Amino acid sequence: MKLKTLATATMTTVVLAVGGVGLFDATASAQTAAAGSCGGNGPLVTDPGGHRYPTTYCRNYVGGALYNGAVKVGYLNAGRNWFACQKLGAENPAVGGARNNYWLYTKGDKAYADGGWGWFPATMVSGGGNYERVPDLSLCDRSTRLPK
């Protein structure tokens, strides 16, 4: 089997099998998750409900769906993205050995409903441990929102 290595702009490597089943090295990505986290102020954003939020940049090492309940409302590409806040919720999809039940509120790169605003699983974001908050990102509560 021939292997091809692709590098992203952040020099993270993902190994894909060429001519066979594609592989994502989730274990290596989960290990690199601990190395990076959130930091840096993102834009001031307004969600479809008219709520305003300051945001923080975090690195999500894999792209994935955004949800509102069981409804898929958007898709967020891998990379350095802004997030408004995080909250405790249902079990996230497992990624390698990563397990969590925190969800991060943001707007996706692709929108299917609700303007693409929804909840992104913490298992796909760098930083933190299993069943822990993503460091340096606010919890979602009334104090997180800015006045309309």
C-alpha atoms as a PDB file:
ATOM      1  CA  MET A   1       0.000   0.000   0.000  1.00  0.00           C
ATOM      2  CA  LYS A   2       1.365   3.409  -0.998  1.00  0.00           C
ATOM      3  CA  LEU A   3       1.022   6.197   1.541  1.00  0.00           C
ATOM      4  CA  LYS A   4       0.748   9.868   0.775  1.00  0.00           C
ATOM      5  CA  THR A   5       1.327  12.552   3.435  1.00  0.00           C
ATOM      6  CA  LEU A   6      -0.476  15.858   3.183  1.00  0.00           C
ATOM      7  CA  ALA A   7       0.460  18.876   5.300  1.00  0.00           C
ATOM      8  CA  THR A   8      -1.958  21.610   6.262  1.00  0.00           C
ATOM      9  CA  ALA A   9      -0.968  25.236   6.597  1.00  0.00           C
ATOM     10  CA  THR A  10      -0.271  24.572  10.263  1.00  0.00           C
ATOM     11  CA  MET A  11       2.128  21.766   9.378  1.00  0.00           C
ATOM     12  CA  THR A  12      -0.111  19.119  10.954  1.00  0.00           C
ATOM     13  CA  THR A  13       0.216  15.956   8.929  1.00  0.00           C
ATOM     14  CA  VAL A  14      -2.548  13.582   8.064  1.00  0.00           C
ATOM     15  CA  VAL A  15      -1.756  10.225   6.500  1.00  0.00           C
ATOM     16  CA  LEU A  16      -4.145   8.956   3.845  1.00  0.00           C
ATOM     17  CA  ALA A  17      -4.030   5.595   2.129  1.00  0.00           C
ATOM     18  CA  VAL A  18      -3.928   6.021  -1.646  1.00  0.00           C
ATOM     19  CA  GLY A  19      -5.867   3.498  -3.677  1.00  0.00           C
ATOM     20  CA  GLY A  20      -7.467   2.013  -0.573  1.00  0.00           C
ATOM     21  CA  VAL A  21      -9.454   2.960   2.452  1.00  0.00           C
ATOM     22  CA  GLY A  22      -8.655   6.475   3.718  1.00  0.00           C
ATOM     23  CA  LEU A  23      -7.130   6.675   7.168  1.00  0.00           C
ATOM     24  CA  PHE A  24      -7.231   9.585   9.597  1.00  0.00           C
ATOM     25  CA  ASP A  25      -4.662   9.329  12.348  1.00  0.00           C
ATOM     26  CA  ALA A  26      -7.038  10.351  15.130  1.00  0.00           C
ATOM     27  CA  THR A  27      -4.719   9.095  17.864  1.00  0.00           C
ATOM     28  CA  ALA A  28      -1.913  11.400  16.757  1.00  0.00           C
ATOM     29  CA  SER A  29      -4.393  14.263  16.370  1.00  0.00           C
ATOM     30  CA  ALA A  30      -5.807  13.684  19.832  1.00  0.00           C
ATOM     31  CA  GLN A  31      -2.272  13.777  21.226  1.00  0.00           C
ATOM     32  CA  THR A  32      -1.584  17.064  19.468  1.00  0.00           C
ATOM     33  CA  ALA A  33      -4.852  18.385  20.879  1.00  0.00           C
ATOM     34  CA  ALA A  34      -3.228  18.837  24.266  1.00  0.00           C
ATOM     35  CA  ALA A  35      -0.492  20.975  22.714  1.00  0.00           C
ATOM     36  CA  GLY A  36      -2.784  23.757  21.453  1.00  0.00           C
ATOM     37  CA  SER A  37      -5.891  25.349  22.779  1.00  0.00           C
ATOM     38  CA  CYS A  38      -7.819  28.580  22.568  1.00  0.00           C
ATOM     39  CA  GLY A  39      -6.427  32.070  22.561  1.00  0.00           C
ATOM     40  CA  GLY A  40      -6.796  35.385  20.879  1.00  0.00           C
ATOM     41  CA  ASN A  41      -9.891  37.507  20.572  1.00  0.00           C
ATOM     42  CA  GLY A  42     -12.143  36.741  17.645  1.00  0.00           C
ATOM     43  CA  PRO A  43     -14.797  38.990  16.146  1.00  0.00           C
ATOM     44  CA  LEU A  44     -17.872  40.259  17.942  1.00  0.00           C
ATOM     45  CA  VAL A  45     -20.733  38.193  16.462  1.00  0.00           C
ATOM     46  CA  THR A  46     -24.528  38.158  16.479  1.00  0.00           C
ATOM     47  CA  ASP A  47     -26.415  34.866  16.208  1.00  0.00           C
ATOM     48  CA  PRO A  48     -29.811  34.429  14.483  1.00  0.00           C
ATOM     49  CA  GLY A  49     -31.578  35.089  17.809  1.00  0.00           C
ATOM     50  CA  GLY A  50     -29.985  38.542  17.968  1.00  0.00           C
ATOM     51  CA  HIS A  51     -27.650  37.589  20.836  1.00  0.00           C
ATOM     52  CA  ARG A  52     -24.221  39.202  20.645  1.00  0.00           C
ATOM     53  CA  TYR A  53     -21.066  37.384  21.752  1.00  0.00           C
ATOM     54  CA  PRO A  54     -17.362  38.119  22.016  1.00  0.00           C
ATOM     55  CA  THR A  55     -15.459  35.172  20.586  1.00  0.00           C
ATOM     56  CA  THR A  56     -12.179  33.352  21.088  1.00  0.00           C
ATOM     57  CA  TYR A  57     -10.097  31.547  18.484  1.00  0.00           C
ATOM     58  CA  CYS A  58      -9.548  27.806  18.977  1.00  0.00           C
ATOM     59  CA  ARG A  59      -8.013  25.173  16.747  1.00  0.00           C
ATOM     60  CA  ASN A  60     -10.225  22.305  15.630  1.00  0.00           C
ATOM     61  CA  TYR A  61      -7.975  19.625  14.165  1.00  0.00           C
ATOM     62  CA  VAL A  62     -10.783  18.005  12.193  1.00  0.00           C
ATOM     63  CA  GLY A  63     -13.834  19.418  10.462  1.00  0.00           C
ATOM     64  CA  GLY A  64     -17.295  18.324  11.468  1.00  0.00           C
ATOM     65  CA  ALA A  65     -21.003  18.938  11.701  1.00  0.00           C
ATOM     66  CA  LEU A  66     -22.679  21.597  13.831  1.00  0.00           C
ATOM     67  CA  TYR A  67     -25.897  20.599  15.572  1.00  0.00           C
ATOM     68  CA  ASN A  68     -28.966  22.159  17.143  1.00  0.00           C
ATOM     69  CA  GLY A  69     -30.346  19.187  19.037  1.00  0.00           C
ATOM     70  CA  ALA A  70     -30.385  16.275  16.599  1.00  0.00           C
ATOM     71  CA  VAL A  71     -30.552  18.582  13.550  1.00  0.00           C
ATOM     72  CA  LYS A  72     -27.380  19.097  11.518  1.00  0.00           C
ATOM     73  CA  VAL A  73     -27.311  22.864  10.865  1.00  0.00           C
ATOM     74  CA  GLY A  74     -23.876  23.355   9.359  1.00  0.00           C
ATOM     75  CA  TYR A  75     -20.320  22.198   8.823  1.00  0.00           C
ATOM     76  CA  LEU A  76     -17.128  23.718  10.270  1.00  0.00           C
ATOM     77  CA  ASN A  77     -13.860  23.208   8.393  1.00  0.00           C
ATOM     78  CA  ALA A  78     -10.719  22.209  10.272  1.00  0.00           C
ATOM     79  CA  GLY A  79      -8.435  25.083  11.258  1.00  0.00           C
ATOM     80  CA  ARG A  80      -8.320  28.098  13.543  1.00  0.00           C
ATOM     81  CA  ASN A  81     -11.922  29.141  14.089  1.00  0.00           C
ATOM     82  CA  TRP A  82     -13.769  31.418  16.502  1.00  0.00           C
ATOM     83  CA  PHE A  83     -16.140  30.088  19.142  1.00  0.00           C
ATOM     84  CA  ALA A  84     -18.541  32.084  21.328  1.00  0.00           C
ATOM     85  CA  CYS A  85     -18.693  29.753  24.336  1.00  0.00           C
ATOM     86  CA  GLN A  86     -19.135  26.152  25.476  1.00  0.00           C
ATOM     87  CA  LYS A  87     -21.691  24.179  27.486  1.00  0.00           C
ATOM     88  CA  LEU A  88     -22.120  20.737  28.983  1.00  0.00           C
ATOM     89  CA  GLY A  89     -24.413  18.468  26.990  1.00  0.00           C
ATOM     90  CA  ALA A  90     -24.786  15.037  25.444  1.00  0.00           C
ATOM     91  CA  GLU A  91     -21.892  12.714  24.625  1.00  0.00           C
ATOM     92  CA  ASN A  92     -19.733  13.930  21.697  1.00  0.00           C
ATOM     93  CA  PRO A  93     -18.803  11.708  18.771  1.00  0.00           C
ATOM     94  CA  ALA A  94     -15.591   9.894  19.760  1.00  0.00           C
ATOM     95  CA  VAL A  95     -12.426  10.896  17.904  1.00  0.00           C
ATOM     96  CA  GLY A  96      -9.639   8.366  18.481  1.00  0.00           C
ATOM     97  CA  GLY A  97      -9.296   8.193  22.262  1.00  0.00           C
ATOM     98  CA  ALA A  98     -10.940  11.594  22.804  1.00  0.00           C
ATOM     99  CA  ARG A  99     -14.242  11.583  24.723  1.00  0.00           C
ATOM    100  CA  ASN A 100     -16.204  14.592  25.925  1.00  0.00           C
ATOM    101  CA  ASN A 101     -19.626  16.030  26.627  1.00  0.00           C
ATOM    102  CA  TYR A 102     -18.877  19.739  26.135  1.00  0.00           C
ATOM    103  CA  TRP A 103     -20.157  21.494  23.015  1.00  0.00           C
ATOM    104  CA  LEU A 104     -18.873  24.783  21.528  1.00  0.00           C
ATOM    105  CA  TYR A 105     -21.169  27.408  19.986  1.00  0.00           C
ATOM    106  CA  THR A 106     -20.126  28.843  16.614  1.00  0.00           C
ATOM    107  CA  LYS A 107     -21.160  29.471  13.014  1.00  0.00           C
ATOM    108  CA  GLY A 108     -20.141  26.961  10.385  1.00  0.00           C
ATOM    109  CA  ASP A 109     -18.395  27.466   7.075  1.00  0.00           C
ATOM    110  CA  LYS A 110     -21.388  25.779   5.412  1.00  0.00           C
ATOM    111  CA  ALA A 111     -24.978  26.427   6.523  1.00  0.00           C
ATOM    112  CA  TYR A 112     -27.830  23.925   6.205  1.00  0.00           C
ATOM    113  CA  ALA A 113     -30.236  25.599   8.689  1.00  0.00           C
ATOM    114  CA  ASP A 114     -30.253  28.344  11.354  1.00  0.00           C
ATOM    115  CA  GLY A 115     -27.698  30.328   9.370  1.00  0.00           C
ATOM    116  CA  GLY A 116     -25.144  27.595  10.152  1.00  0.00           C
ATOM    117  CA  TRP A 117     -25.143  28.425  13.889  1.00  0.00           C
ATOM    118  CA  GLY A 118     -24.884  25.433  16.154  1.00  0.00           C
ATOM    119  CA  TRP A 119     -22.895  23.288  18.555  1.00  0.00           C
ATOM    120  CA  PHE A 120     -19.535  21.714  17.679  1.00  0.00           C
ATOM    121  CA  PRO A 121     -18.153  18.746  19.658  1.00  0.00           C
ATOM    122  CA  ALA A 122     -15.208  19.411  21.976  1.00  0.00           C
ATOM    123  CA  THR A 123     -13.649  16.095  20.888  1.00  0.00           C
ATOM    124  CA  MET A 124     -12.669  17.824  17.636  1.00  0.00           C
ATOM    125  CA  VAL A 125     -11.018  20.847  19.293  1.00  0.00           C
ATOM    126  CA  SER A 126      -7.436  21.088  20.506  1.00  0.00           C
ATOM    127  CA  GLY A 127      -6.890  21.377  24.230  1.00  0.00           C
ATOM    128  CA  GLY A 128      -8.422  19.939  27.334  1.00  0.00           C
ATOM    129  CA  GLY A 129      -8.811  16.382  28.460  1.00  0.00           C
ATOM    130  CA  ASN A 130     -11.545  13.802  28.354  1.00  0.00           C
ATOM    131  CA  TYR A 131     -14.766  15.120  29.896  1.00  0.00           C
ATOM    132  CA  GLU A 132     -13.202  18.513  30.601  1.00  0.00           C
ATOM    133  CA  ARG A 133     -13.929  22.026  29.372  1.00  0.00           C
ATOM    134  CA  VAL A 134     -11.840  23.373  26.528  1.00  0.00           C
ATOM    135  CA  PRO A 135      -9.345  25.657  28.318  1.00  0.00           C
ATOM    136  CA  ASP A 136      -9.581  29.423  27.831  1.00  0.00           C
ATOM    137  CA  LEU A 137     -13.086  29.364  26.332  1.00  0.00           C
ATOM    138  CA  SER A 138     -16.015  30.845  28.301  1.00  0.00           C
ATOM    139  CA  LEU A 139     -18.967  28.828  29.488  1.00  0.00           C
ATOM    140  CA  CYS A 140     -22.286  29.729  27.851  1.00  0.00           C
ATOM    141  CA  ASP A 141     -24.475  31.583  30.318  1.00  0.00           C
ATOM    142  CA  ARG A 142     -26.247  34.916  30.474  1.00  0.00           C
ATOM    143  CA  SER A 143     -23.000  36.697  31.384  1.00  0.00           C
ATOM    144  CA  THR A 144     -21.378  35.474  28.145  1.00  0.00           C
ATOM    145  CA  ARG A 145     -23.831  37.436  25.998  1.00  0.00           C
ATOM    146  CA  LEU A 146     -23.522  41.150  25.428  1.00  0.00           C
ATOM    147  CA  PRO A 147     -26.570  43.442  25.569  1.00  0.00           C
ATOM    148  CA  LYS A 148     -28.560  43.582  22.321  1.00  0.00           C
END
